[in-house]
Amino acid sequence: MADHRSADSVYWVEPKRRAIMPLDAFHLSHSLRKTVVSDRYRVTADTAFAQIIALCADSALDRPDTWINPSIESVFTELHRMGYAHSIECWDGDRLVGGLYGLALGRAFFGESMVSRARDASKVALAWLVARLRVGGFALLDCQFQTDHLASLGATEISRRDYLGLLSTAVDGAVAGALGAALSPGEASAEAPAADFFALDRLSPAAPATASPPLGKLIAQLLVQTS
């Protein structure tokens, strides 16, 4: 994190109690379900990563300053280019009105920031993210800090010890796989991340790779299914 938008440096933060979103316990309220099913917003993934992180970094009336400085933007843009950082975008017509971004490693997704410039846009983005992670075989959605907003959607706080246990299982083998990708072919690790961020886009066998993302009705169904 950075102290403010124009800060020159960043620092690491490790909460004593960590907020996580159990992927099988997302709270899809009646009103949010109606919004998702109605396809009020067009939702995409990884189509406007730079725009999403810039929107998250922008000031707003309820958030005059943010912790996302240019260094963080630059690093995450590069991580996106490498295939590790991802975004979910909500559109009202051609206008980007909300979304989120984060980092995928192994079977863990680390949510970095979410933003809303229209009613429930960030909630819709999170709902689509949870459905995507469930379909893709993820095991952990790290929300970092608990907020009332996240708690209303099902996020819970756990101890550092419990979090590290979940984290260890979720990223097992992934770090070696990521390092192996930077080695020569003969040195590369045989292990690779098990989860697939794009599995949702291939959910329908008849759909081509370039098909539009699944509609909101399917997302709602995925969220209420039990594991």
Foldseek 3Di string as FASTA:
>chain_A
DAPWAAGPDDDDDDDQKFKWFFLLFFDCDPVNLVCLQVCQWAKDKQPCVLVQLVQQQDADPVRRIDRCYPVNSVVLVVCVVVPFKMKMFTHRVPDTFWIFIFGDFFLETETDGIDGNDPCRRVSRVLLQSLLSVLQNHGIYTDGDDDPVVVVGHMDIDGPVVVVVSVCVRRPQRVLQVVLVVDDPVRRDPGHRRGDSCSQCCVDVVDDSPDRGDGSVVSSVSNNDGD
